[in-house]
Amino acid sequence: MNYQVQKNTLYVGGLAEEVNEAILHAAFIPFGDIKDVKTPLDQATQKHRSFGFVTFLEREDAAAAMDNMDGAELYGRVLTVNYALPERIKGGEQGWAAQPIWADADTWFERQQQEEEFQRLQAENRAAMEAAEELRRKQMAQDREGEKEDDTTEVKDDPMAQAEAEALQQNNK
């Protein structure tokens, strides 16, 4: 999927257990004014999940922090610093947290109707093609029957053709 990158929010991965939001803030403050620092917690252990997000007020500050801190060491662990992707919620086709799950229901129904219409048209087209093919087969069969009838009438009218037909019959016996 194509996610829109948030240019002033950084994802910081590879955090040591000792790192908290205050330490993360202190590590990134040299690059500019920080709007927010978050370290999501694991519900079971109530400890951070070894990553966090740092949101700067200015995009340029976030770019400078990413350039300088990606691959840097903090509390003995190497950091991975990238632009953050938007938060996603479970459900909903687009998965953006800014939209409720049911926001894409109308487009889903429209797509379903379009798919059903497409399948109906395909079935009609297939039936028309089969009918045309059957008609063509019947026409060819009639043409072949007409050719056979024409051959016998030619043989009856033409004495030379009659003689050839008799010779062929004798050779086949």
N, C-alpha and C. Protein backbone atom coordinates (compact mmCIF):
# COMPACT_ATOMS: atom_id res chain seq x y z
N MET A 1 0.84 -1.19 0.00
CA MET A 1 0.00 0.00 0.00
C MET A 1 0.88 1.24 0.00
N ASN A 2 0.30 2.32 -0.42
CA ASN A 2 1.03 3.56 -0.52
C ASN A 2 0.66 4.44 0.67
N TYR A 3 1.50 4.48 1.69
CA TYR A 3 1.22 5.29 2.87
C TYR A 3 1.89 6.64 2.73
N GLN A 4 1.19 7.66 3.18
CA GLN A 4 1.76 8.99 3.14
C GLN A 4 2.69 9.14 4.35
N VAL A 5 3.92 9.53 4.08
CA VAL A 5 4.93 9.66 5.14
C VAL A 5 4.69 10.96 5.90
N GLN A 6 4.84 10.89 7.23
CA GLN A 6 4.73 12.09 8.06
C GLN A 6 6.14 12.66 8.20
N LYS A 7 6.38 13.79 7.56
CA LYS A 7 7.74 14.32 7.45
C LYS A 7 8.28 14.95 8.74
N ASN A 8 7.43 15.19 9.72
CA ASN A 8 7.96 15.77 10.95
C ASN A 8 7.92 14.79 12.13
N THR A 9 7.48 13.56 11.88
CA THR A 9 7.46 12.54 12.92
C THR A 9 8.44 11.44 12.54
N LEU A 10 9.30 11.07 13.48
CA LEU A 10 10.31 10.04 13.25
C LEU A 10 9.98 8.79 14.04
N TYR A 11 10.22 7.66 13.40
CA TYR A 11 10.16 6.36 14.07
C TYR A 11 11.57 6.09 14.57
N VAL A 12 11.71 5.72 15.85
CA VAL A 12 13.01 5.40 16.43
C VAL A 12 12.92 3.97 16.93
N GLY A 13 13.65 3.07 16.27
CA GLY A 13 13.61 1.66 16.63
C GLY A 13 14.92 1.22 17.27
N GLY A 14 14.86 0.10 18.00
CA GLY A 14 16.05 -0.46 18.62
C GLY A 14 16.36 0.14 19.98
N LEU A 15 15.35 0.63 20.68
CA LEU A 15 15.57 1.26 21.99
C LEU A 15 15.87 0.20 23.06
N ALA A 16 16.79 0.53 23.94
CA ALA A 16 17.10 -0.33 25.07
C ALA A 16 15.99 -0.21 26.11
N GLU A 17 15.89 -1.19 27.00
CA GLU A 17 14.84 -1.17 28.03
C GLU A 17 14.93 0.05 28.94
N GLU A 18 16.16 0.53 29.18
CA GLU A 18 16.36 1.66 30.10
C GLU A 18 15.84 2.99 29.55
N VAL A 19 15.70 3.06 28.22
CA VAL A 19 15.30 4.33 27.60
C VAL A 19 13.82 4.58 27.86
N ASN A 20 13.54 5.81 28.34
CA ASN A 20 12.16 6.23 28.52
C ASN A 20 11.91 7.49 27.67
N GLU A 21 10.74 8.06 27.77
CA GLU A 21 10.41 9.21 26.93
C GLU A 21 11.31 10.41 27.24
N ALA A 22 11.68 10.60 28.49
CA ALA A 22 12.55 11.73 28.87
C ALA A 22 13.94 11.56 28.23
N ILE A 23 14.48 10.35 28.26
CA ILE A 23 15.81 10.10 27.67
C ILE A 23 15.74 10.27 26.16
N LEU A 24 14.67 9.78 25.55
CA LEU A 24 14.50 9.91 24.10
C LEU A 24 14.39 11.39 23.72
N HIS A 25 13.66 12.15 24.52
CA HIS A 25 13.53 13.60 24.30
C HIS A 25 14.90 14.26 24.38
N ALA A 26 15.67 13.90 25.40
CA ALA A 26 17.00 14.51 25.59
C ALA A 26 17.95 14.15 24.44
N ALA A 27 17.80 12.95 23.88
CA ALA A 27 18.68 12.53 22.79
C ALA A 27 18.38 13.29 21.50
N PHE A 28 17.14 13.70 21.32
CA PHE A 28 16.75 14.33 20.05
C PHE A 28 16.59 15.85 20.12
N ILE A 29 16.60 16.43 21.31
CA ILE A 29 16.41 17.89 21.45
C ILE A 29 17.50 18.72 20.76
N PRO A 30 18.75 18.23 20.62
CA PRO A 30 19.76 19.06 19.96
C PRO A 30 19.42 19.41 18.51
N PHE A 31 18.49 18.70 17.90
CA PHE A 31 18.19 18.92 16.49
C PHE A 31 17.05 19.90 16.26
N GLY A 32 16.32 20.30 17.30
CA GLY A 32 15.25 21.27 17.13
C GLY A 32 14.17 21.08 18.18
N ASP A 33 13.15 21.95 18.11
CA ASP A 33 12.04 21.91 19.07
C ASP A 33 11.19 20.66 18.82
N ILE A 34 10.94 19.95 19.93
CA ILE A 34 10.17 18.71 19.86
C ILE A 34 8.75 18.98 20.32
N LYS A 35 7.80 18.51 19.53
CA LYS A 35 6.39 18.67 19.85
C LYS A 35 5.90 17.55 20.76
N ASP A 36 6.36 16.30 20.49
CA ASP A 36 5.84 15.16 21.24
C ASP A 36 6.81 13.98 21.16
N VAL A 37 6.85 13.19 22.23
CA VAL A 37 7.63 11.95 22.26
C VAL A 37 6.72 10.86 22.81
N LYS A 38 6.66 9.74 22.10
CA LYS A 38 5.81 8.63 22.54
C LYS A 38 6.61 7.33 22.46
N THR A 39 6.45 6.49 23.48
CA THR A 39 6.99 5.12 23.44
C THR A 39 5.82 4.20 23.78
N PRO A 40 5.20 3.59 22.77
CA PRO A 40 4.05 2.71 23.02
C PRO A 40 4.40 1.58 23.98
N LEU A 41 3.48 1.29 24.88
CA LEU A 41 3.71 0.26 25.90
C LEU A 41 3.11 -1.07 25.49
N ASP A 42 3.79 -2.13 25.89
CA ASP A 42 3.26 -3.48 25.75
C ASP A 42 2.23 -3.64 26.86
N GLN A 43 1.01 -4.04 26.54
CA GLN A 43 -0.07 -4.14 27.52
C GLN A 43 0.24 -5.16 28.62
N ALA A 44 0.92 -6.22 28.28
CA ALA A 44 1.19 -7.28 29.26
C ALA A 44 2.27 -6.86 30.25
N THR A 45 3.38 -6.29 29.76
CA THR A 45 4.52 -6.00 30.63
C THR A 45 4.56 -4.54 31.09
N GLN A 46 3.79 -3.68 30.46
CA GLN A 46 3.78 -2.24 30.74
C GLN A 46 5.16 -1.60 30.51
N LYS A 47 5.97 -2.21 29.64
CA LYS A 47 7.24 -1.64 29.23
C LYS A 47 7.12 -1.26 27.76
N HIS A 48 7.98 -0.31 27.33
CA HIS A 48 7.89 0.06 25.92
C HIS A 48 8.32 -1.10 25.04
N ARG A 49 7.90 -1.05 23.78
CA ARG A 49 8.11 -2.17 22.87
C ARG A 49 9.37 -1.98 22.02
N SER A 50 10.38 -1.34 22.55
CA SER A 50 11.69 -1.08 21.95
C SER A 50 11.63 -0.18 20.72
N PHE A 51 10.58 0.62 20.63
CA PHE A 51 10.56 1.68 19.62
C PHE A 51 9.75 2.84 20.15
N GLY A 52 9.91 3.98 19.50
CA GLY A 52 9.20 5.18 19.90
C GLY A 52 9.03 6.12 18.73
N PHE A 53 8.34 7.23 18.99
CA PHE A 53 8.10 8.25 17.97
C PHE A 53 8.47 9.61 18.53
N VAL A 54 9.19 10.38 17.71
CA VAL A 54 9.56 11.74 18.10
C VAL A 54 8.99 12.67 17.04
N THR A 55 8.15 13.62 17.47
CA THR A 55 7.54 14.57 16.54
C THR A 55 8.16 15.94 16.75
N PHE A 56 8.76 16.48 15.69
CA PHE A 56 9.36 17.81 15.72
C PHE A 56 8.37 18.84 15.22
N LEU A 57 8.59 20.10 15.62
CA LEU A 57 7.74 21.18 15.12
C LEU A 57 8.05 21.48 13.65
N GLU A 58 9.30 21.35 13.26
CA GLU A 58 9.73 21.68 11.89
C GLU A 58 10.20 20.42 11.16
N ARG A 59 9.87 20.35 9.89
CA ARG A 59 10.30 19.21 9.07
C ARG A 59 11.81 19.16 8.92
N GLU A 60 12.42 20.31 8.80
CA GLU A 60 13.87 20.36 8.62
C GLU A 60 14.59 19.78 9.84
N ASP A 61 14.05 20.05 11.04
CA ASP A 61 14.65 19.51 12.27
C ASP A 61 14.54 17.98 12.28
N ALA A 62 13.39 17.48 11.83
CA ALA A 62 13.19 16.02 11.79
C ALA A 62 14.17 15.39 10.80
N ALA A 63 14.38 16.05 9.65
CA ALA A 63 15.32 15.52 8.65
C ALA A 63 16.74 15.51 9.20
N ALA A 64 17.13 16.57 9.90
CA ALA A 64 18.47 16.63 10.48
C ALA A 64 18.65 15.56 11.55
N ALA A 65 17.63 15.36 12.39
CA ALA A 65 17.70 14.33 13.43
C ALA A 65 17.81 12.94 12.81
N MET A 66 17.05 12.69 11.75
CA MET A 66 17.10 11.39 11.10
C MET A 66 18.49 11.15 10.49
N ASP A 67 19.02 12.16 9.81
CA ASP A 67 20.34 12.02 9.19
C ASP A 67 21.42 11.73 10.23
N ASN A 68 21.34 12.37 11.40
CA ASN A 68 22.38 12.22 12.41
C ASN A 68 22.19 11.04 13.36
N MET A 69 20.95 10.65 13.61
CA MET A 69 20.69 9.62 14.63
C MET A 69 20.49 8.21 14.06
N ASP A 70 20.22 8.09 12.76
CA ASP A 70 20.06 6.75 12.19
C ASP A 70 21.41 6.05 12.23
N GLY A 71 21.47 4.91 12.91
CA GLY A 71 22.72 4.18 13.06
C GLY A 71 23.53 4.60 14.28
N ALA A 72 23.05 5.61 15.01
CA ALA A 72 23.75 6.05 16.23
C ALA A 72 23.48 5.05 17.36
N GLU A 73 24.29 5.15 18.42
CA GLU A 73 24.17 4.23 19.54
C GLU A 73 23.59 4.98 20.74
N LEU A 74 22.63 4.33 21.42
CA LEU A 74 22.03 4.90 22.62
C LEU A 74 21.86 3.75 23.62
N TYR A 75 22.53 3.88 24.77
CA TYR A 75 22.51 2.85 25.81
C TYR A 75 22.94 1.49 25.24
N GLY A 76 23.96 1.51 24.41
CA GLY A 76 24.54 0.28 23.88
C GLY A 76 23.76 -0.36 22.74
N ARG A 77 22.71 0.27 22.26
CA ARG A 77 21.91 -0.29 21.16
C ARG A 77 21.96 0.65 19.96
N VAL A 78 22.06 0.10 18.77
CA VAL A 78 22.08 0.89 17.54
C VAL A 78 20.65 1.26 17.17
N LEU A 79 20.43 2.55 16.94
CA LEU A 79 19.09 3.05 16.62
C LEU A 79 18.80 2.97 15.12
N THR A 80 17.55 2.74 14.81
CA THR A 80 17.05 2.85 13.44
C THR A 80 16.09 4.02 13.44
N VAL A 81 16.37 5.04 12.64
CA VAL A 81 15.54 6.24 12.62
C VAL A 81 15.06 6.47 11.19
N ASN A 82 13.74 6.50 11.01
CA ASN A 82 13.09 6.73 9.72
C ASN A 82 11.91 7.66 9.91
N TYR A 83 11.40 8.16 8.78
CA TYR A 83 10.13 8.90 8.86
C TYR A 83 9.04 7.91 9.25
N ALA A 84 8.12 8.35 10.10
CA ALA A 84 7.05 7.48 10.59
C ALA A 84 5.92 7.42 9.57
N LEU A 85 5.28 6.26 9.50
CA LEU A 85 4.07 6.10 8.70
C LEU A 85 2.88 6.42 9.58
N PRO A 86 1.75 6.82 8.99
CA PRO A 86 0.58 7.15 9.80
C PRO A 86 0.09 5.94 10.60
N GLU A 87 -0.47 6.21 11.74
CA GLU A 87 -1.00 5.15 12.59
C GLU A 87 -2.18 4.50 11.88
N ARG A 88 -2.27 3.18 11.99
CA ARG A 88 -3.36 2.45 11.35
C ARG A 88 -4.25 1.84 12.41
N ILE A 89 -5.52 1.70 12.06
CA ILE A 89 -6.44 1.01 12.95
C ILE A 89 -6.85 -0.30 12.28
N LYS A 90 -7.22 -1.29 13.06
CA LYS A 90 -7.66 -2.54 12.50
C LYS A 90 -9.05 -2.33 11.90
N GLY A 91 -9.31 -3.04 10.80
CA GLY A 91 -10.57 -2.88 10.10
C GLY A 91 -10.45 -1.73 9.12
N GLY A 92 -11.46 -1.53 8.35
CA GLY A 92 -11.42 -0.45 7.38
C GLY A 92 -10.41 -0.76 6.30
N GLU A 93 -10.77 -0.56 5.04
CA GLU A 93 -9.88 -0.93 3.96
C GLU A 93 -8.64 -0.05 3.90
N GLN A 94 -8.81 1.24 4.18
CA GLN A 94 -7.66 2.13 4.07
C GLN A 94 -6.80 2.12 5.31
N GLY A 95 -7.39 1.82 6.46
CA GLY A 95 -6.63 1.63 7.67
C GLY A 95 -6.11 2.91 8.32
N TRP A 96 -6.60 4.05 7.95
CA TRP A 96 -6.12 5.29 8.55
C TRP A 96 -6.84 5.55 9.86
N ALA A 97 -6.10 5.96 10.86
CA ALA A 97 -6.70 6.22 12.17
C ALA A 97 -7.63 7.43 12.13
N ALA A 98 -7.46 8.29 11.13
CA ALA A 98 -8.29 9.49 11.04
C ALA A 98 -9.70 9.18 10.56
N GLN A 99 -9.94 7.96 10.08
CA GLN A 99 -11.24 7.59 9.56
C GLN A 99 -11.86 6.49 10.40
N PRO A 100 -13.16 6.55 10.61
CA PRO A 100 -13.81 5.43 11.28
C PRO A 100 -13.85 4.22 10.36
N ILE A 101 -14.03 3.06 10.94
CA ILE A 101 -14.02 1.81 10.19
C ILE A 101 -15.07 1.82 9.09
N TRP A 102 -16.23 2.39 9.35
CA TRP A 102 -17.33 2.35 8.39
C TRP A 102 -17.21 3.41 7.30
N ALA A 103 -16.17 4.24 7.32
CA ALA A 103 -16.04 5.32 6.35
C ALA A 103 -15.94 4.81 4.92
N ASP A 104 -15.40 3.63 4.72
CA ASP A 104 -15.24 3.12 3.36
C ASP A 104 -16.37 2.17 2.96
N ALA A 105 -17.43 2.10 3.75
CA ALA A 105 -18.54 1.18 3.44
C ALA A 105 -19.20 1.54 2.12
N ASP A 106 -19.42 2.83 1.85
CA ASP A 106 -20.06 3.23 0.60
C ASP A 106 -19.23 2.82 -0.61
N THR A 107 -17.93 3.04 -0.55
CA THR A 107 -17.09 2.67 -1.68
C THR A 107 -17.06 1.15 -1.83
N TRP A 108 -17.12 0.42 -0.74
CA TRP A 108 -17.15 -1.03 -0.81
C TRP A 108 -18.41 -1.51 -1.53
N PHE A 109 -19.57 -0.92 -1.14
CA PHE A 109 -20.82 -1.30 -1.79
C PHE A 109 -20.81 -0.94 -3.27
N GLU A 110 -20.26 0.23 -3.60
CA GLU A 110 -20.17 0.63 -5.01
C GLU A 110 -19.32 -0.36 -5.79
N ARG A 111 -18.19 -0.76 -5.21
CA ARG A 111 -17.33 -1.72 -5.89
C ARG A 111 -18.03 -3.07 -6.05
N GLN A 112 -18.79 -3.50 -5.04
CA GLN A 112 -19.53 -4.75 -5.13
C GLN A 112 -20.54 -4.67 -6.27
N GLN A 113 -21.26 -3.55 -6.36
CA GLN A 113 -22.26 -3.39 -7.43
C GLN A 113 -21.58 -3.38 -8.80
N GLN A 114 -20.44 -2.71 -8.90
CA GLN A 114 -19.71 -2.68 -10.16
C GLN A 114 -19.24 -4.07 -10.54
N GLU A 115 -18.77 -4.83 -9.58
CA GLU A 115 -18.31 -6.19 -9.84
C GLU A 115 -19.47 -7.07 -10.31
N GLU A 116 -20.63 -6.94 -9.65
CA GLU A 116 -21.80 -7.73 -10.05
C GLU A 116 -22.24 -7.35 -11.47
N GLU A 117 -22.25 -6.07 -11.77
CA GLU A 117 -22.63 -5.59 -13.11
C GLU A 117 -21.65 -6.13 -14.15
N PHE A 118 -20.36 -6.09 -13.83
CA PHE A 118 -19.33 -6.60 -14.73
C PHE A 118 -19.54 -8.09 -15.00
N GLN A 119 -19.81 -8.85 -13.95
CA GLN A 119 -20.02 -10.29 -14.11
C GLN A 119 -21.28 -10.57 -14.93
N ARG A 120 -22.34 -9.77 -14.72
CA ARG A 120 -23.57 -9.93 -15.49
C ARG A 120 -23.30 -9.66 -16.97
N LEU A 121 -22.58 -8.58 -17.26
CA LEU A 121 -22.26 -8.25 -18.65
C LEU A 121 -21.38 -9.33 -19.28
N GLN A 122 -20.44 -9.85 -18.51
CA GLN A 122 -19.60 -10.93 -19.03
C GLN A 122 -20.44 -12.16 -19.37
N ALA A 123 -21.39 -12.50 -18.50
CA ALA A 123 -22.25 -13.66 -18.74
C ALA A 123 -23.10 -13.43 -19.99
N GLU A 124 -23.67 -12.23 -20.14
CA GLU A 124 -24.45 -11.91 -21.34
C GLU A 124 -23.59 -12.01 -22.59
N ASN A 125 -22.39 -11.46 -22.51
CA ASN A 125 -21.48 -11.49 -23.65
C ASN A 125 -21.11 -12.92 -24.02
N ARG A 126 -20.83 -13.74 -23.00
CA ARG A 126 -20.48 -15.14 -23.22
C ARG A 126 -21.66 -15.87 -23.88
N ALA A 127 -22.90 -15.62 -23.38
CA ALA A 127 -24.08 -16.27 -23.95
C ALA A 127 -24.27 -15.83 -25.40
N ALA A 128 -24.08 -14.56 -25.70
CA ALA A 128 -24.22 -14.07 -27.07
C ALA A 128 -23.17 -14.70 -27.98
N MET A 129 -21.93 -14.82 -27.47
CA MET A 129 -20.87 -15.43 -28.27
C MET A 129 -21.18 -16.91 -28.54
N GLU A 130 -21.68 -17.63 -27.53
CA GLU A 130 -22.02 -19.03 -27.72
C GLU A 130 -23.17 -19.18 -28.72
N ALA A 131 -24.17 -18.30 -28.62
CA ALA A 131 -25.30 -18.35 -29.56
C ALA A 131 -24.81 -18.07 -30.98
N ALA A 132 -23.93 -17.09 -31.14
CA ALA A 132 -23.39 -16.78 -32.47
C ALA A 132 -22.58 -17.96 -33.00
N GLU A 133 -21.79 -18.59 -32.15
CA GLU A 133 -21.00 -19.74 -32.57
C GLU A 133 -21.90 -20.90 -32.99
N GLU A 134 -22.96 -21.15 -32.22
CA GLU A 134 -23.91 -22.21 -32.55
C GLU A 134 -24.60 -21.92 -33.88
N LEU A 135 -24.98 -20.67 -34.10
CA LEU A 135 -25.60 -20.27 -35.35
C LEU A 135 -24.62 -20.48 -36.51
N ARG A 136 -23.37 -20.14 -36.31
CA ARG A 136 -22.36 -20.33 -37.35
C ARG A 136 -22.17 -21.81 -37.66
N ARG A 137 -22.15 -22.65 -36.60
CA ARG A 137 -22.02 -24.09 -36.81
C ARG A 137 -23.20 -24.64 -37.63
N LYS A 138 -24.42 -24.21 -37.28
CA LYS A 138 -25.60 -24.67 -38.02
C LYS A 138 -25.53 -24.23 -39.47
N GLN A 139 -25.11 -22.98 -39.68
CA GLN A 139 -25.00 -22.45 -41.04
C GLN A 139 -23.98 -23.26 -41.85
N MET A 140 -22.84 -23.58 -41.22
CA MET A 140 -21.83 -24.38 -41.91
C MET A 140 -22.35 -25.78 -42.21
N ALA A 141 -23.09 -26.36 -41.27
CA ALA A 141 -23.66 -27.70 -41.49
C ALA A 141 -24.66 -27.66 -42.65
N GLN A 142 -25.48 -26.62 -42.69
CA GLN A 142 -26.44 -26.49 -43.79
C GLN A 142 -25.71 -26.31 -45.12
N ASP A 143 -24.65 -25.51 -45.09
CA ASP A 143 -23.88 -25.30 -46.31
C ASP A 143 -23.28 -26.64 -46.78
N ARG A 144 -22.76 -27.43 -45.85
CA ARG A 144 -22.19 -28.73 -46.21
C ARG A 144 -23.27 -29.65 -46.76
N GLU A 145 -24.45 -29.65 -46.15
CA GLU A 145 -25.57 -30.47 -46.66
C GLU A 145 -25.94 -30.01 -48.06
N GLY A 146 -25.96 -28.71 -48.27
CA GLY A 146 -26.27 -28.17 -49.60
C GLY A 146 -25.24 -28.58 -50.62
N GLU A 147 -23.96 -28.62 -50.21
CA GLU A 147 -22.89 -29.05 -51.13
C GLU A 147 -23.08 -30.51 -51.50
N LYS A 148 -23.45 -31.35 -50.55
CA LYS A 148 -23.67 -32.77 -50.84
C LYS A 148 -24.81 -32.94 -51.82
N GLU A 149 -25.89 -32.20 -51.60
CA GLU A 149 -27.04 -32.28 -52.51
C GLU A 149 -26.63 -31.81 -53.89
N ASP A 150 -25.83 -30.72 -53.93
CA ASP A 150 -25.37 -30.18 -55.21
C ASP A 150 -24.50 -31.21 -55.92
N ASP A 151 -23.67 -31.93 -55.20
CA ASP A 151 -22.79 -32.94 -55.80
C ASP A 151 -23.61 -34.04 -56.45
N THR A 152 -24.67 -34.48 -55.77
CA THR A 152 -25.47 -35.58 -56.33
C THR A 152 -26.25 -35.11 -57.55
N THR A 153 -26.73 -33.89 -57.55
CA THR A 153 -27.47 -33.41 -58.72
C THR A 153 -26.52 -33.23 -59.89
N GLU A 154 -25.28 -32.81 -59.63
CA GLU A 154 -24.31 -32.65 -60.70
C GLU A 154 -23.99 -34.01 -61.30
N VAL A 155 -23.88 -35.03 -60.46
CA VAL A 155 -23.56 -36.37 -60.93
C VAL A 155 -24.71 -36.90 -61.81
N LYS A 156 -25.96 -36.62 -61.40
CA LYS A 156 -27.11 -37.10 -62.16
C LYS A 156 -27.18 -36.42 -63.52
N ASP A 157 -26.84 -35.12 -63.58
CA ASP A 157 -26.96 -34.37 -64.82
C ASP A 157 -25.77 -34.58 -65.75
N ASP A 158 -24.61 -34.88 -65.20
CA ASP A 158 -23.38 -34.96 -66.00
C ASP A 158 -22.99 -36.43 -66.17
N PRO A 159 -23.00 -36.98 -67.41
CA PRO A 159 -22.67 -38.38 -67.61
C PRO A 159 -21.21 -38.69 -67.27
N MET A 160 -20.32 -37.74 -67.49
CA MET A 160 -18.91 -37.96 -67.18
C MET A 160 -18.72 -38.08 -65.66
N ALA A 161 -19.40 -37.21 -64.90
CA ALA A 161 -19.33 -37.25 -63.44
C ALA A 161 -19.92 -38.56 -62.93
N GLN A 162 -20.97 -39.03 -63.61
CA GLN A 162 -21.59 -40.30 -63.22
C GLN A 162 -20.60 -41.45 -63.40
N ALA A 163 -19.89 -41.43 -64.47
CA ALA A 163 -18.92 -42.48 -64.75
C ALA A 163 -17.79 -42.45 -63.72
N GLU A 164 -17.33 -41.26 -63.36
CA GLU A 164 -16.27 -41.12 -62.35
C GLU A 164 -16.74 -41.65 -61.00
N ALA A 165 -17.98 -41.31 -60.65
CA ALA A 165 -18.52 -41.75 -59.36
C ALA A 165 -18.63 -43.26 -59.32
N GLU A 166 -19.04 -43.87 -60.42
CA GLU A 166 -19.15 -45.33 -60.48
C GLU A 166 -17.78 -45.97 -60.38
N ALA A 167 -16.77 -45.37 -61.04
CA ALA A 167 -15.41 -45.91 -61.00
C ALA A 167 -14.85 -45.81 -59.57
N LEU A 168 -15.10 -44.73 -58.90
CA LEU A 168 -14.66 -44.56 -57.52
C LEU A 168 -15.32 -45.61 -56.62
N GLN A 169 -16.59 -45.84 -56.84
CA GLN A 169 -17.28 -46.82 -56.01
C GLN A 169 -16.70 -48.22 -56.22
N GLN A 170 -16.38 -48.54 -57.47
CA GLN A 170 -15.81 -49.87 -57.76
C GLN A 170 -14.43 -50.01 -57.17
N ASN A 171 -13.64 -48.93 -57.18
CA ASN A 171 -12.28 -48.97 -56.61
C ASN A 171 -12.33 -49.11 -55.08
N ASN A 172 -13.32 -48.51 -54.48
CA ASN A 172 -13.44 -48.58 -53.01
C ASN A 172 -13.90 -49.94 -52.53
N LYS A 173 -14.50 -50.73 -53.42
CA LYS A 173 -15.01 -52.04 -53.01
C LYS A 173 -13.95 -53.04 -52.91
